[in-house]
């Protein structure tokens, strides 16, 4: 049973702005928020997308939201 549950986890790799790779369960992504490009002036330079997760935590990444969407297979959130 544990093996089956592990097979259902779809991890994607994204990068923090300092270059570190982080793996995120794509099934826990609830929202993608566009980063420093555009009206969001409060985010650190280099953050192109903020990923919101089911536990209400956030991950700020160097990839654009379009790149994150491509990594999750274009699945609607």
C-alpha atoms as a PDB file:
ATOM      1  CA  UNK A   1       0.000   0.000   0.000  1.00  0.00           C
ATOM      2  CA  UNK A   2       2.835   2.431   0.793  1.00  0.00           C
ATOM      3  CA  UNK A   3       4.416   1.752  -2.595  1.00  0.00           C
ATOM      4  CA  UNK A   4       1.174   2.741  -4.351  1.00  0.00           C
ATOM      5  CA  UNK A   5       0.971   6.043  -2.451  1.00  0.00           C
ATOM      6  CA  UNK A   6       4.586   6.865  -3.306  1.00  0.00           C
ATOM      7  CA  UNK A   7       3.884   6.276  -6.996  1.00  0.00           C
ATOM      8  CA  UNK A   8       1.129   8.915  -6.970  1.00  0.00           C
ATOM      9  CA  UNK A   9       3.457  11.723  -5.819  1.00  0.00           C
ATOM     10  CA  UNK A  10       4.508  13.909  -8.743  1.00  0.00           C
ATOM     11  CA  UNK A  11       7.575  15.920  -7.760  1.00  0.00           C
ATOM     12  CA  UNK A  12       8.806  18.835  -9.827  1.00  0.00           C
ATOM     13  CA  UNK A  13      12.165  20.535  -9.408  1.00  0.00           C
ATOM     14  CA  UNK A  14      12.275  24.324  -9.155  1.00  0.00           C
ATOM     15  CA  UNK A  15      15.075  26.657  -8.092  1.00  0.00           C
ATOM     16  CA  UNK A  16      15.384  29.202  -5.315  1.00  0.00           C
ATOM     17  CA  UNK A  17      16.870  32.550  -6.340  1.00  0.00           C
ATOM     18  CA  UNK A  18      20.245  31.488  -4.902  1.00  0.00           C
ATOM     19  CA  UNK A  19      20.291  28.515  -7.306  1.00  0.00           C
ATOM     20  CA  UNK A  20      19.365  25.734  -4.874  1.00  0.00           C
ATOM     21  CA  UNK A  21      17.082  23.077  -6.328  1.00  0.00           C
ATOM     22  CA  UNK A  22      13.886  22.263  -4.433  1.00  0.00           C
ATOM     23  CA  UNK A  23      11.430  19.470  -5.128  1.00  0.00           C
ATOM     24  CA  UNK A  24       7.735  20.194  -4.704  1.00  0.00           C
ATOM     25  CA  UNK A  25       4.787  17.820  -4.863  1.00  0.00           C
ATOM     26  CA  UNK A  26       2.890  19.235  -7.831  1.00  0.00           C
ATOM     27  CA  UNK A  27      -0.403  17.963  -6.386  1.00  0.00           C
ATOM     28  CA  UNK A  28       0.006  20.367  -3.454  1.00  0.00           C
ATOM     29  CA  UNK A  29       0.236  23.497  -5.629  1.00  0.00           C
ATOM     30  CA  UNK A  30      -2.863  25.658  -5.242  1.00  0.00           C
ATOM     31  CA  UNK A  31      -1.808  28.940  -6.834  1.00  0.00           C
ATOM     32  CA  UNK A  32       0.940  30.511  -8.933  1.00  0.00           C
ATOM     33  CA  UNK A  33       1.581  34.212  -8.338  1.00  0.00           C
ATOM     34  CA  UNK A  34       3.666  36.220 -10.790  1.00  0.00           C
ATOM     35  CA  UNK A  35       6.779  37.590  -9.119  1.00  0.00           C
ATOM     36  CA  UNK A  36       8.912  40.690  -9.494  1.00  0.00           C
ATOM     37  CA  UNK A  37       7.810  41.340 -13.061  1.00  0.00           C
ATOM     38  CA  UNK A  38       4.745  43.549 -13.072  1.00  0.00           C
ATOM     39  CA  UNK A  39       2.898  45.164 -10.178  1.00  0.00           C
ATOM     40  CA  UNK A  40       4.367  43.030  -7.362  1.00  0.00           C
ATOM     41  CA  UNK A  41       7.117  45.404  -6.252  1.00  0.00           C
ATOM     42  CA  UNK A  42       7.416  43.931  -2.737  1.00  0.00           C
ATOM     43  CA  UNK A  43       9.143  40.719  -3.823  1.00  0.00           C
ATOM     44  CA  UNK A  44      12.902  40.243  -3.941  1.00  0.00           C
ATOM     45  CA  UNK A  45      14.560  40.818  -7.315  1.00  0.00           C
ATOM     46  CA  UNK A  46      14.950  37.498  -9.115  1.00  0.00           C
ATOM     47  CA  UNK A  47      11.689  35.972  -7.876  1.00  0.00           C
ATOM     48  CA  UNK A  48       9.668  35.271 -10.986  1.00  0.00           C
ATOM     49  CA  UNK A  49       6.956  33.118  -9.444  1.00  0.00           C
ATOM     50  CA  UNK A  50       5.578  32.430  -5.980  1.00  0.00           C
ATOM     51  CA  UNK A  51       4.086  28.978  -5.537  1.00  0.00           C
ATOM     52  CA  UNK A  52       1.356  28.629  -2.905  1.00  0.00           C
ATOM     53  CA  UNK A  53       0.864  25.159  -1.423  1.00  0.00           C
ATOM     54  CA  UNK A  54      -2.080  23.417   0.221  1.00  0.00           C
ATOM     55  CA  UNK A  55      -0.694  24.104   3.713  1.00  0.00           C
ATOM     56  CA  UNK A  56      -0.717  27.869   2.905  1.00  0.00           C
ATOM     57  CA  UNK A  57       3.085  28.007   2.699  1.00  0.00           C
ATOM     58  CA  UNK A  58       4.841  29.782  -0.156  1.00  0.00           C
ATOM     59  CA  UNK A  59       7.928  28.981  -2.233  1.00  0.00           C
ATOM     60  CA  UNK A  60       9.564  31.842  -4.167  1.00  0.00           C
ATOM     61  CA  UNK A  61      11.312  30.552  -7.286  1.00  0.00           C
ATOM     62  CA  UNK A  62      13.501  31.793 -10.116  1.00  0.00           C
ATOM     63  CA  UNK A  63      11.368  30.061 -12.774  1.00  0.00           C
ATOM     64  CA  UNK A  64       8.524  31.988 -14.340  1.00  0.00           C
ATOM     65  CA  UNK A  65       4.971  30.865 -13.639  1.00  0.00           C
ATOM     66  CA  UNK A  66       4.754  29.687 -17.260  1.00  0.00           C
ATOM     67  CA  UNK A  67       7.796  27.452 -16.693  1.00  0.00           C
ATOM     68  CA  UNK A  68       6.246  26.036 -13.502  1.00  0.00           C
ATOM     69  CA  UNK A  69       2.981  25.376 -15.359  1.00  0.00           C
ATOM     70  CA  UNK A  70       4.941  23.516 -18.053  1.00  0.00           C
ATOM     71  CA  UNK A  71       6.643  21.386 -15.374  1.00  0.00           C
ATOM     72  CA  UNK A  72       3.278  20.348 -13.948  1.00  0.00           C
ATOM     73  CA  UNK A  73       2.103  19.454 -17.426  1.00  0.00           C
ATOM     74  CA  UNK A  74      -0.146  22.456 -17.935  1.00  0.00           C
ATOM     75  CA  UNK A  75      -2.661  20.978 -15.480  1.00  0.00           C
ATOM     76  CA  UNK A  76      -5.208  23.502 -14.210  1.00  0.00           C
ATOM     77  CA  UNK A  77      -4.792  24.356 -10.524  1.00  0.00           C
END
